[in-house]
Amino acid sequence: MASTAQCLASMARLSLSFSRPTAISRIPKFLAPVAAVATPATVRYASGNSMKTRKRTPKKKKTYKTFRTYDLSPMEQMTLCDAMRVLRAVEVGNPPTSVKYDLAIKLKTSKNGPVIRSTLRLPFPFQTDTRIAVLCPDGPIATEARENGAVEAGQEGLIQNIQNGNIQFNKLICHVDCEPLLKTLHLGKILGPKGLMPNLKTKTITADIKGTMSDLVGAEEFRERAGVVRMAIGQLLFTPQMLADNIKVFMDKIKKDIGNLDDTAPKVIEEVVLSTTHGPGISLNGKFHPVADENLKVQDLEGAM
């Protein structure tokens, strides 16, 4: 049985537990300390970086300073007559006057080097729809240009037609006195995409209007793009000798333009490919006479099919 002292002690403890006032917190909730949440340990790797912080660096693509070249030893190359025989067979059924031979010259050159760009008059021209316009001061020069066959000549009227998009010509010659107008009127934005912008390199900005017009009739313009120079070289009705003469003049012009460049930007002819409008490209070996068929004669490749 509990003593009187023990009973009084227990009653005192009970009275203290019920009568103890609770402390009211006056600290705002946004200032109250937040209990730290236990987080799992970060996984570490041998490199010392976690998975979240480690980033994969993308692999850099290998860049080349020159255009890609190929090994031509396993490739089958043909003579000019053999290539014409294949291409003429592919173009059977197409109007001969609408089919053209194209020559592509692959150059071994650097990407950042100068490009070849010029105009060439072929021994056997086939472009008969040349329409020349002359941008020159109104007066005697414009009158002389019209007398020599220019479809348009002058300054104000021709500039207005160009700005309005009324372009009825496929060749444009600019007199040296009107050269500043090309830049001030921003005509390059209209003429450039159409390949009609006059240029000193192509000799379409000149003081000799009459001589330049005679040179442009039957002349072809070529330009190097991505290490390749392309130009239409003849029609399907051309004989092998006519096509060979055009190719020879074109190749001589390319070699001459390469020789005029600086030694710091060398260019070497790597491959010559002949094709037609709808036919494949055939690599030429530089020879003329046929070797694929002994019975094939050069005369068999002349005239209509």
C-alpha atoms as a PDB file:
ATOM      1  CA  MET A   1       0.000   0.000   0.000  1.00  0.00           C
ATOM      2  CA  ALA A   2       1.368   3.395  -1.073  1.00  0.00           C
ATOM      3  CA  SER A   3       2.303   5.854   1.583  1.00  0.00           C
ATOM      4  CA  THR A   4       0.819   9.310   1.947  1.00  0.00           C
ATOM      5  CA  ALA A   5       3.973  10.956   0.530  1.00  0.00           C
ATOM      6  CA  GLN A   6       3.858   8.860  -2.629  1.00  0.00           C
ATOM      7  CA  CYS A   7       0.175   9.714  -3.236  1.00  0.00           C
ATOM      8  CA  LEU A   8       0.867  13.423  -2.861  1.00  0.00           C
ATOM      9  CA  ALA A   9       3.778  13.233  -5.320  1.00  0.00           C
ATOM     10  CA  SER A  10       1.731  11.513  -7.985  1.00  0.00           C
ATOM     11  CA  MET A  11      -1.086  14.038  -7.606  1.00  0.00           C
ATOM     12  CA  ALA A  12       1.383  16.904  -7.957  1.00  0.00           C
ATOM     13  CA  ARG A  13       2.767  15.500 -11.219  1.00  0.00           C
ATOM     14  CA  LEU A  14      -0.772  15.169 -12.631  1.00  0.00           C
ATOM     15  CA  SER A  15      -1.677  18.740 -11.774  1.00  0.00           C
ATOM     16  CA  LEU A  16       1.484  20.087 -13.417  1.00  0.00           C
ATOM     17  CA  SER A  17       0.882  18.176 -16.680  1.00  0.00           C
ATOM     18  CA  PHE A  18      -2.652  19.560 -17.090  1.00  0.00           C
ATOM     19  CA  SER A  19      -2.023  23.115 -15.979  1.00  0.00           C
ATOM     20  CA  ARG A  20       1.266  23.746 -17.952  1.00  0.00           C
ATOM     21  CA  PRO A  21       0.495  26.407 -20.607  1.00  0.00           C
ATOM     22  CA  THR A  22       1.374  25.646 -24.202  1.00  0.00           C
ATOM     23  CA  ALA A  23       3.704  28.086 -25.941  1.00  0.00           C
ATOM     24  CA  ILE A  24       2.088  29.840 -28.914  1.00  0.00           C
ATOM     25  CA  SER A  25       4.583  30.360 -31.734  1.00  0.00           C
ATOM     26  CA  ARG A  26       4.568  33.862 -33.173  1.00  0.00           C
ATOM     27  CA  ILE A  27       7.126  33.097 -35.899  1.00  0.00           C
ATOM     28  CA  PRO A  28       5.691  33.357 -39.442  1.00  0.00           C
ATOM     29  CA  LYS A  29       5.445  30.149 -41.332  1.00  0.00           C
ATOM     30  CA  PHE A  30       7.762  31.274 -44.111  1.00  0.00           C
ATOM     31  CA  LEU A  31      10.474  31.972 -41.515  1.00  0.00           C
ATOM     32  CA  ALA A  32      10.035  28.734 -39.619  1.00  0.00           C
ATOM     33  CA  PRO A  33      12.928  26.295 -40.117  1.00  0.00           C
ATOM     34  CA  VAL A  34      12.218  23.407 -42.437  1.00  0.00           C
ATOM     35  CA  ALA A  35      13.262  19.967 -41.371  1.00  0.00           C
ATOM     36  CA  ALA A  36      15.974  18.606 -43.580  1.00  0.00           C
ATOM     37  CA  VAL A  37      14.760  15.771 -45.692  1.00  0.00           C
ATOM     38  CA  ALA A  38      17.077  12.848 -45.809  1.00  0.00           C
ATOM     39  CA  THR A  39      18.244  12.258 -49.372  1.00  0.00           C
ATOM     40  CA  PRO A  40      19.965   9.193 -50.655  1.00  0.00           C
ATOM     41  CA  ALA A  41      23.679   9.429 -51.129  1.00  0.00           C
ATOM     42  CA  THR A  42      24.812  10.569 -54.583  1.00  0.00           C
ATOM     43  CA  VAL A  43      26.213   7.781 -56.679  1.00  0.00           C
ATOM     44  CA  ARG A  44      29.793   8.468 -57.611  1.00  0.00           C
ATOM     45  CA  TYR A  45      31.858   7.004 -60.367  1.00  0.00           C
ATOM     46  CA  ALA A  46      35.514   6.464 -61.007  1.00  0.00           C
ATOM     47  CA  SER A  47      35.803   9.781 -62.811  1.00  0.00           C
ATOM     48  CA  GLY A  48      34.519  11.572 -59.720  1.00  0.00           C
ATOM     49  CA  ASN A  49      31.465  13.055 -61.497  1.00  0.00           C
ATOM     50  CA  SER A  50      27.893  12.055 -60.869  1.00  0.00           C
ATOM     51  CA  MET A  51      25.576  10.897 -63.628  1.00  0.00           C
ATOM     52  CA  LYS A  52      23.629  14.150 -63.518  1.00  0.00           C
ATOM     53  CA  THR A  53      26.604  16.437 -63.874  1.00  0.00           C
ATOM     54  CA  ARG A  54      28.490  14.375 -66.464  1.00  0.00           C
ATOM     55  CA  LYS A  55      27.868  15.514 -70.069  1.00  0.00           C
ATOM     56  CA  ARG A  56      28.825  13.790 -73.253  1.00  0.00           C
ATOM     57  CA  THR A  57      30.762  15.977 -75.620  1.00  0.00           C
ATOM     58  CA  PRO A  58      29.627  15.526 -79.242  1.00  0.00           C
ATOM     59  CA  LYS A  59      32.189  14.155 -81.632  1.00  0.00           C
ATOM     60  CA  LYS A  60      33.487  16.683 -84.097  1.00  0.00           C
ATOM     61  CA  LYS A  61      33.023  15.822 -87.739  1.00  0.00           C
ATOM     62  CA  LYS A  62      36.188  15.574 -89.700  1.00  0.00           C
ATOM     63  CA  THR A  63      36.521  18.510 -92.071  1.00  0.00           C
ATOM     64  CA  TYR A  64      38.461  18.494 -95.314  1.00  0.00           C
ATOM     65  CA  LYS A  65      40.202  21.473 -96.868  1.00  0.00           C
ATOM     66  CA  THR A  66      39.802  20.052-100.370  1.00  0.00           C
ATOM     67  CA  PHE A  67      36.827  18.542-102.166  1.00  0.00           C
ATOM     68  CA  ARG A  68      36.470  14.786-102.036  1.00  0.00           C
ATOM     69  CA  THR A  69      38.362  12.823-104.665  1.00  0.00           C
ATOM     70  CA  TYR A  70      37.906   9.249-105.826  1.00  0.00           C
ATOM     71  CA  ASP A  71      40.105   6.511-107.161  1.00  0.00           C
ATOM     72  CA  LEU A  72      39.403   6.265-110.897  1.00  0.00           C
ATOM     73  CA  SER A  73      41.457   3.123-111.535  1.00  0.00           C
ATOM     74  CA  PRO A  74      38.543   0.634-111.126  1.00  0.00           C
ATOM     75  CA  MET A  75      36.158   2.886-113.089  1.00  0.00           C
ATOM     76  CA  GLU A  76      35.360   2.100-116.710  1.00  0.00           C
ATOM     77  CA  GLN A  77      36.242   5.037-118.939  1.00  0.00           C
ATOM     78  CA  MET A  78      35.228   5.347-122.586  1.00  0.00           C
ATOM     79  CA  THR A  79      36.414   7.069-125.701  1.00  0.00           C
ATOM     80  CA  LEU A  80      34.360   9.943-127.064  1.00  0.00           C
ATOM     81  CA  CYS A  81      32.726   7.866-129.805  1.00  0.00           C
ATOM     82  CA  ASP A  82      31.829   5.033-127.426  1.00  0.00           C
ATOM     83  CA  ALA A  83      30.311   7.499-124.966  1.00  0.00           C
ATOM     84  CA  MET A  84      28.299   9.153-127.737  1.00  0.00           C
ATOM     85  CA  ARG A  85      26.997   5.760-128.833  1.00  0.00           C
ATOM     86  CA  VAL A  86      25.669   4.997-125.346  1.00  0.00           C
ATOM     87  CA  LEU A  87      24.182   8.440-124.823  1.00  0.00           C
ATOM     88  CA  ARG A  88      22.494   8.502-128.232  1.00  0.00           C
ATOM     89  CA  ALA A  89      20.904   5.141-127.458  1.00  0.00           C
ATOM     90  CA  VAL A  90      19.530   6.505-124.180  1.00  0.00           C
ATOM     91  CA  GLU A  91      18.018   9.546-125.927  1.00  0.00           C
ATOM     92  CA  VAL A  92      16.086   7.552-128.542  1.00  0.00           C
ATOM     93  CA  GLY A  93      12.574   8.965-128.826  1.00  0.00           C
ATOM     94  CA  ASN A  94      13.464  12.474-127.643  1.00  0.00           C
ATOM     95  CA  PRO A  95      13.575  15.421-130.084  1.00  0.00           C
ATOM     96  CA  PRO A  96      17.242  15.729-131.132  1.00  0.00           C
ATOM     97  CA  THR A  97      17.144  19.532-131.102  1.00  0.00           C
ATOM     98  CA  SER A  98      16.061  19.578-127.438  1.00  0.00           C
ATOM     99  CA  VAL A  99      18.834  17.257-126.199  1.00  0.00           C
ATOM    100  CA  LYS A 100      22.198  18.753-125.316  1.00  0.00           C
ATOM    101  CA  TYR A 101      25.588  17.342-124.454  1.00  0.00           C
ATOM    102  CA  ASP A 102      26.979  18.571-121.129  1.00  0.00           C
ATOM    103  CA  LEU A 103      30.610  18.390-120.087  1.00  0.00           C
ATOM    104  CA  ALA A 104      31.593  18.352-116.409  1.00  0.00           C
ATOM    105  CA  ILE A 105      35.247  18.859-115.460  1.00  0.00           C
ATOM    106  CA  LYS A 106      36.099  17.696-111.942  1.00  0.00           C
ATOM    107  CA  LEU A 107      38.956  19.666-110.391  1.00  0.00           C
ATOM    108  CA  LYS A 108      41.188  18.761-107.500  1.00  0.00           C
ATOM    109  CA  THR A 109      41.163  22.032-105.605  1.00  0.00           C
ATOM    110  CA  SER A 110      40.734  23.548-102.159  1.00  0.00           C
ATOM    111  CA  LYS A 111      37.349  24.673-100.859  1.00  0.00           C
ATOM    112  CA  ASN A 112      38.445  28.173 -99.919  1.00  0.00           C
ATOM    113  CA  GLY A 113      40.422  28.878-103.072  1.00  0.00           C
ATOM    114  CA  PRO A 114      39.451  31.095-106.021  1.00  0.00           C
ATOM    115  CA  VAL A 115      36.932  29.801-108.551  1.00  0.00           C
ATOM    116  CA  ILE A 116      37.131  29.757-112.337  1.00  0.00           C
ATOM    117  CA  ARG A 117      34.567  31.887-114.131  1.00  0.00           C
ATOM    118  CA  SER A 118      34.623  33.076-117.718  1.00  0.00           C
ATOM    119  CA  THR A 119      32.847  33.128-121.078  1.00  0.00           C
ATOM    120  CA  LEU A 120      33.781  30.960-124.058  1.00  0.00           C
ATOM    121  CA  ARG A 121      32.835  31.089-127.724  1.00  0.00           C
ATOM    122  CA  LEU A 122      32.721  27.573-129.120  1.00  0.00           C
ATOM    123  CA  PRO A 123      33.805  26.688-132.670  1.00  0.00           C
ATOM    124  CA  PHE A 124      30.367  25.140-133.268  1.00  0.00           C
ATOM    125  CA  PRO A 125      27.824  27.193-131.285  1.00  0.00           C
ATOM    126  CA  PHE A 126      24.327  25.807-130.858  1.00  0.00           C
ATOM    127  CA  GLN A 127      22.570  28.544-128.863  1.00  0.00           C
ATOM    128  CA  THR A 128      20.466  30.414-131.412  1.00  0.00           C
ATOM    129  CA  ASP A 129      18.105  32.169-128.978  1.00  0.00           C
ATOM    130  CA  THR A 130      20.577  34.737-127.620  1.00  0.00           C
ATOM    131  CA  ARG A 131      18.751  37.946-126.684  1.00  0.00           C
ATOM    132  CA  ILE A 132      21.131  40.715-125.600  1.00  0.00           C
ATOM    133  CA  ALA A 133      20.231  43.864-123.682  1.00  0.00           C
ATOM    134  CA  VAL A 134      22.638  46.770-123.227  1.00  0.00           C
ATOM    135  CA  LEU A 135      22.598  49.022-120.168  1.00  0.00           C
ATOM    136  CA  CYS A 136      24.163  52.247-121.447  1.00  0.00           C
ATOM    137  CA  PRO A 137      23.501  55.995-121.557  1.00  0.00           C
ATOM    138  CA  ASP A 138      20.673  57.009-123.860  1.00  0.00           C
ATOM    139  CA  GLY A 139      21.952  58.419-127.124  1.00  0.00           C
ATOM    140  CA  PRO A 140      24.364  57.245-129.829  1.00  0.00           C
ATOM    141  CA  ILE A 141      25.600  54.240-127.833  1.00  0.00           C
ATOM    142  CA  ALA A 142      22.074  52.915-127.344  1.00  0.00           C
ATOM    143  CA  THR A 143      21.270  53.488-131.022  1.00  0.00           C
ATOM    144  CA  GLU A 144      24.378  51.584-132.104  1.00  0.00           C
ATOM    145  CA  ALA A 145      23.482  48.688-129.784  1.00  0.00           C
ATOM    146  CA  ARG A 146      20.000  48.404-131.304  1.00  0.00           C
ATOM    147  CA  GLU A 147      21.462  48.450-134.812  1.00  0.00           C
ATOM    148  CA  ASN A 148      23.711  45.502-133.863  1.00  0.00           C
ATOM    149  CA  GLY A 149      20.777  43.388-132.682  1.00  0.00           C
ATOM    150  CA  ALA A 150      20.162  44.330-129.036  1.00  0.00           C
ATOM    151  CA  VAL A 151      16.575  43.645-127.968  1.00  0.00           C
ATOM    152  CA  GLU A 152      16.778  46.499-125.424  1.00  0.00           C
ATOM    153  CA  ALA A 153      19.242  49.340-125.007  1.00  0.00           C
ATOM    154  CA  GLY A 154      19.316  52.449-122.891  1.00  0.00           C
ATOM    155  CA  GLN A 155      19.221  53.402-119.244  1.00  0.00           C
ATOM    156  CA  GLU A 156      15.936  54.586-117.742  1.00  0.00           C
ATOM    157  CA  GLY A 157      13.579  52.288-119.646  1.00  0.00           C
ATOM    158  CA  LEU A 158      15.781  49.199-119.210  1.00  0.00           C
ATOM    159  CA  ILE A 159      16.265  49.805-115.480  1.00  0.00           C
ATOM    160  CA  GLN A 160      12.510  50.208-114.987  1.00  0.00           C
ATOM    161  CA  ASN A 161      11.819  46.944-116.815  1.00  0.00           C
ATOM    162  CA  ILE A 162      14.390  45.115-114.679  1.00  0.00           C
ATOM    163  CA  GLN A 163      12.917  46.461-111.441  1.00  0.00           C
ATOM    164  CA  ASN A 164       9.413  45.463-112.579  1.00  0.00           C
ATOM    165  CA  GLY A 165      10.598  41.949-113.463  1.00  0.00           C
ATOM    166  CA  ASN A 166       9.929  42.427-117.181  1.00  0.00           C
ATOM    167  CA  ILE A 167      13.101  40.717-118.406  1.00  0.00           C
ATOM    168  CA  GLN A 168      12.967  39.837-122.098  1.00  0.00           C
ATOM    169  CA  PHE A 169      16.673  39.027-122.525  1.00  0.00           C
ATOM    170  CA  ASN A 170      19.103  36.282-121.508  1.00  0.00           C
ATOM    171  CA  LYS A 171      22.351  38.289-121.804  1.00  0.00           C
ATOM    172  CA  LEU A 172      23.078  41.716-120.329  1.00  0.00           C
ATOM    173  CA  ILE A 173      25.961  44.032-121.199  1.00  0.00           C
ATOM    174  CA  CYS A 174      26.707  47.088-119.082  1.00  0.00           C
ATOM    175  CA  HIS A 175      28.616  50.148-120.275  1.00  0.00           C
ATOM    176  CA  VAL A 176      31.387  51.292-117.944  1.00  0.00           C
ATOM    177  CA  ASP A 177      29.586  54.614-117.373  1.00  0.00           C
ATOM    178  CA  CYS A 178      26.516  52.777-115.987  1.00  0.00           C
ATOM    179  CA  GLU A 179      28.443  50.420-113.704  1.00  0.00           C
ATOM    180  CA  PRO A 180      27.738  52.486-110.511  1.00  0.00           C
ATOM    181  CA  LEU A 181      23.988  52.106-111.124  1.00  0.00           C
ATOM    182  CA  LEU A 182      24.225  48.351-110.595  1.00  0.00           C
ATOM    183  CA  LYS A 183      25.223  48.921-106.968  1.00  0.00           C
ATOM    184  CA  THR A 184      23.245  52.037-106.111  1.00  0.00           C
ATOM    185  CA  LEU A 185      19.960  50.604-107.439  1.00  0.00           C
ATOM    186  CA  HIS A 186      20.676  47.114-106.004  1.00  0.00           C
ATOM    187  CA  LEU A 187      20.018  45.444-109.340  1.00  0.00           C
ATOM    188  CA  GLY A 188      22.187  42.521-108.314  1.00  0.00           C
ATOM    189  CA  LYS A 189      19.365  41.163-106.149  1.00  0.00           C
ATOM    190  CA  ILE A 190      17.256  40.748-109.292  1.00  0.00           C
ATOM    191  CA  LEU A 191      19.886  39.894-111.896  1.00  0.00           C
ATOM    192  CA  GLY A 192      22.156  37.746-109.712  1.00  0.00           C
ATOM    193  CA  PRO A 193      19.801  34.767-109.156  1.00  0.00           C
ATOM    194  CA  LYS A 194      19.019  34.715-112.883  1.00  0.00           C
ATOM    195  CA  GLY A 195      22.689  34.680-113.857  1.00  0.00           C
ATOM    196  CA  LEU A 196      22.406  37.996-115.716  1.00  0.00           C
ATOM    197  CA  MET A 197      24.554  40.229-113.501  1.00  0.00           C
ATOM    198  CA  PRO A 198      27.299  41.913-115.595  1.00  0.00           C
ATOM    199  CA  ASN A 199      30.820  41.245-114.382  1.00  0.00           C
ATOM    200  CA  LEU A 200      34.315  42.380-115.285  1.00  0.00           C
ATOM    201  CA  LYS A 201      35.585  38.797-115.275  1.00  0.00           C
ATOM    202  CA  THR A 202      33.100  37.764-117.946  1.00  0.00           C
ATOM    203  CA  LYS A 203      33.828  40.998-119.878  1.00  0.00           C
ATOM    204  CA  THR A 204      30.159  42.016-119.782  1.00  0.00           C
ATOM    205  CA  ILE A 205      31.115  45.403-118.289  1.00  0.00           C
ATOM    206  CA  THR A 206      32.954  47.081-121.116  1.00  0.00           C
ATOM    207  CA  ALA A 207      33.301  50.213-123.219  1.00  0.00           C
ATOM    208  CA  ASP A 208      33.322  48.267-126.510  1.00  0.00           C
ATOM    209  CA  ILE A 209      29.628  47.395-126.810  1.00  0.00           C
ATOM    210  CA  LYS A 210      29.776  46.280-130.438  1.00  0.00           C
ATOM    211  CA  GLY A 211      32.730  43.937-129.960  1.00  0.00           C
ATOM    212  CA  THR A 212      31.280  42.413-126.803  1.00  0.00           C
ATOM    213  CA  MET A 213      27.939  41.769-128.508  1.00  0.00           C
ATOM    214  CA  SER A 214      29.627  39.893-131.354  1.00  0.00           C
ATOM    215  CA  ASP A 215      31.559  37.797-128.838  1.00  0.00           C
ATOM    216  CA  LEU A 216      28.433  36.902-126.850  1.00  0.00           C
ATOM    217  CA  VAL A 217      26.516  35.585-129.858  1.00  0.00           C
ATOM    218  CA  GLY A 218      27.028  31.848-129.579  1.00  0.00           C
ATOM    219  CA  ALA A 219      29.162  32.224-126.451  1.00  0.00           C
ATOM    220  CA  GLU A 220      28.648  30.177-123.300  1.00  0.00           C
ATOM    221  CA  GLU A 221      29.292  31.192-119.706  1.00  0.00           C
ATOM    222  CA  PHE A 222      30.755  28.723-117.208  1.00  0.00           C
ATOM    223  CA  ARG A 223      31.606  28.879-113.537  1.00  0.00           C
ATOM    224  CA  GLU A 224      33.216  26.531-111.046  1.00  0.00           C
ATOM    225  CA  ARG A 225      30.871  25.270-108.317  1.00  0.00           C
ATOM    226  CA  ALA A 226      31.974  22.837-105.608  1.00  0.00           C
ATOM    227  CA  GLY A 227      35.092  21.959-107.573  1.00  0.00           C
ATOM    228  CA  VAL A 228      33.227  21.168-110.818  1.00  0.00           C
ATOM    229  CA  VAL A 229      32.959  23.232-114.015  1.00  0.00           C
ATOM    230  CA  ARG A 230      29.897  22.418-116.150  1.00  0.00           C
ATOM    231  CA  MET A 231      28.875  23.719-119.544  1.00  0.00           C
ATOM    232  CA  ALA A 232      26.635  22.676-122.421  1.00  0.00           C
ATOM    233  CA  ILE A 233      28.964  21.564-125.174  1.00  0.00           C
ATOM    234  CA  GLY A 234      26.728  20.685-128.139  1.00  0.00           C
ATOM    235  CA  GLN A 235      23.481  19.244-129.456  1.00  0.00           C
ATOM    236  CA  LEU A 236      22.625  15.622-130.042  1.00  0.00           C
ATOM    237  CA  LEU A 237      22.859  16.125-133.821  1.00  0.00           C
ATOM    238  CA  PHE A 238      26.519  17.130-133.585  1.00  0.00           C
ATOM    239  CA  THR A 239      29.027  14.845-135.252  1.00  0.00           C
ATOM    240  CA  PRO A 240      31.818  13.349-133.134  1.00  0.00           C
ATOM    241  CA  GLN A 241      34.342  15.691-134.734  1.00  0.00           C
ATOM    242  CA  MET A 242      32.225  18.776-133.989  1.00  0.00           C
ATOM    243  CA  LEU A 243      31.815  17.692-130.377  1.00  0.00           C
ATOM    244  CA  ALA A 244      35.531  16.892-130.100  1.00  0.00           C
ATOM    245  CA  ASP A 245      36.472  20.375-131.354  1.00  0.00           C
ATOM    246  CA  ASN A 246      34.178  22.029-128.807  1.00  0.00           C
ATOM    247  CA  ILE A 247      35.577  19.886-125.995  1.00  0.00           C
ATOM    248  CA  LYS A 248      39.157  20.673-127.011  1.00  0.00           C
ATOM    249  CA  VAL A 249      38.519  24.443-126.959  1.00  0.00           C
ATOM    250  CA  PHE A 250      36.750  24.166-123.606  1.00  0.00           C
ATOM    251  CA  MET A 251      39.576  22.133-122.069  1.00  0.00           C
ATOM    252  CA  ASP A 252      42.201  24.564-123.393  1.00  0.00           C
ATOM    253  CA  LYS A 253      40.287  27.463-121.865  1.00  0.00           C
ATOM    254  CA  ILE A 254      40.096  25.726-118.465  1.00  0.00           C
ATOM    255  CA  LYS A 255      43.816  24.977-118.526  1.00  0.00           C
ATOM    256  CA  LYS A 256      44.592  28.582-119.444  1.00  0.00           C
ATOM    257  CA  ASP A 257      42.432  29.924-116.598  1.00  0.00           C
ATOM    258  CA  ILE A 258      44.115  27.530-114.161  1.00  0.00           C
ATOM    259  CA  GLY A 259      47.518  28.757-115.306  1.00  0.00           C
ATOM    260  CA  ASN A 260      46.517  32.358-114.631  1.00  0.00           C
ATOM    261  CA  LEU A 261      45.784  31.631-110.964  1.00  0.00           C
ATOM    262  CA  ASP A 262      48.295  32.081-108.169  1.00  0.00           C
ATOM    263  CA  ASP A 263      50.545  29.216-107.193  1.00  0.00           C
ATOM    264  CA  THR A 264      49.056  29.343-103.694  1.00  0.00           C
ATOM    265  CA  ALA A 265      45.747  27.929-105.027  1.00  0.00           C
ATOM    266  CA  PRO A 266      46.656  25.030-107.322  1.00  0.00           C
ATOM    267  CA  LYS A 267      43.999  23.318-109.419  1.00  0.00           C
ATOM    268  CA  VAL A 268      44.376  20.031-111.266  1.00  0.00           C
ATOM    269  CA  ILE A 269      41.928  18.450-113.731  1.00  0.00           C
ATOM    270  CA  GLU A 270      40.935  15.119-112.223  1.00  0.00           C
ATOM    271  CA  GLU A 271      38.088  13.771-114.388  1.00  0.00           C
ATOM    272  CA  VAL A 272      36.042  14.716-117.458  1.00  0.00           C
ATOM    273  CA  VAL A 273      32.455  13.451-117.650  1.00  0.00           C
ATOM    274  CA  LEU A 274      30.141  13.645-120.672  1.00  0.00           C
ATOM    275  CA  SER A 275      26.369  13.435-120.272  1.00  0.00           C
ATOM    276  CA  THR A 276      23.138  14.374-122.027  1.00  0.00           C
ATOM    277  CA  THR A 277      19.863  15.928-120.914  1.00  0.00           C
ATOM    278  CA  HIS A 278      18.286  12.595-119.919  1.00  0.00           C
ATOM    279  CA  GLY A 279      21.329  10.323-119.999  1.00  0.00           C
ATOM    280  CA  PRO A 280      23.920   9.246-117.429  1.00  0.00           C
ATOM    281  CA  GLY A 281      27.391  10.648-116.954  1.00  0.00           C
ATOM    282  CA  ILE A 282      30.212   8.762-118.686  1.00  0.00           C
ATOM    283  CA  SER A 283      33.830   9.289-117.738  1.00  0.00           C
ATOM    284  CA  LEU A 284      36.075   9.969-120.744  1.00  0.00           C
ATOM    285  CA  ASN A 285      39.579   8.608-121.138  1.00  0.00           C
ATOM    286  CA  GLY A 286      40.748  11.323-123.568  1.00  0.00           C
ATOM    287  CA  LYS A 287      40.669   9.168-126.709  1.00  0.00           C
ATOM    288  CA  PHE A 288      38.480   9.666-129.763  1.00  0.00           C
ATOM    289  CA  HIS A 289      38.046   6.532-131.893  1.00  0.00           C
ATOM    290  CA  PRO A 290      35.666   3.745-130.810  1.00  0.00           C
ATOM    291  CA  VAL A 291      37.109   0.588-129.294  1.00  0.00           C
ATOM    292  CA  ALA A 292      34.023  -1.128-127.856  1.00  0.00           C
ATOM    293  CA  ASP A 293      32.858  -2.322-131.281  1.00  0.00           C
ATOM    294  CA  GLU A 294      35.220  -2.860-134.184  1.00  0.00           C
ATOM    295  CA  ASN A 295      32.383  -2.555-136.686  1.00  0.00           C
ATOM    296  CA  LEU A 296      31.355   0.876-135.363  1.00  0.00           C
ATOM    297  CA  LYS A 297      32.472   3.755-137.559  1.00  0.00           C
ATOM    298  CA  VAL A 298      32.592   7.449-136.815  1.00  0.00           C
ATOM    299  CA  GLN A 299      30.137   8.065-139.650  1.00  0.00           C
ATOM    300  CA  ASP A 300      27.549   5.930-137.851  1.00  0.00           C
ATOM    301  CA  LEU A 301      27.297   8.571-135.116  1.00  0.00           C
ATOM    302  CA  GLU A 302      26.487  11.415-137.498  1.00  0.00           C
ATOM    303  CA  GLY A 303      23.041  12.701-138.334  1.00  0.00           C
ATOM    304  CA  ALA A 304      19.666  11.848-136.847  1.00  0.00           C
ATOM    305  CA  MET A 305      19.065   8.500-135.209  1.00  0.00           C
END
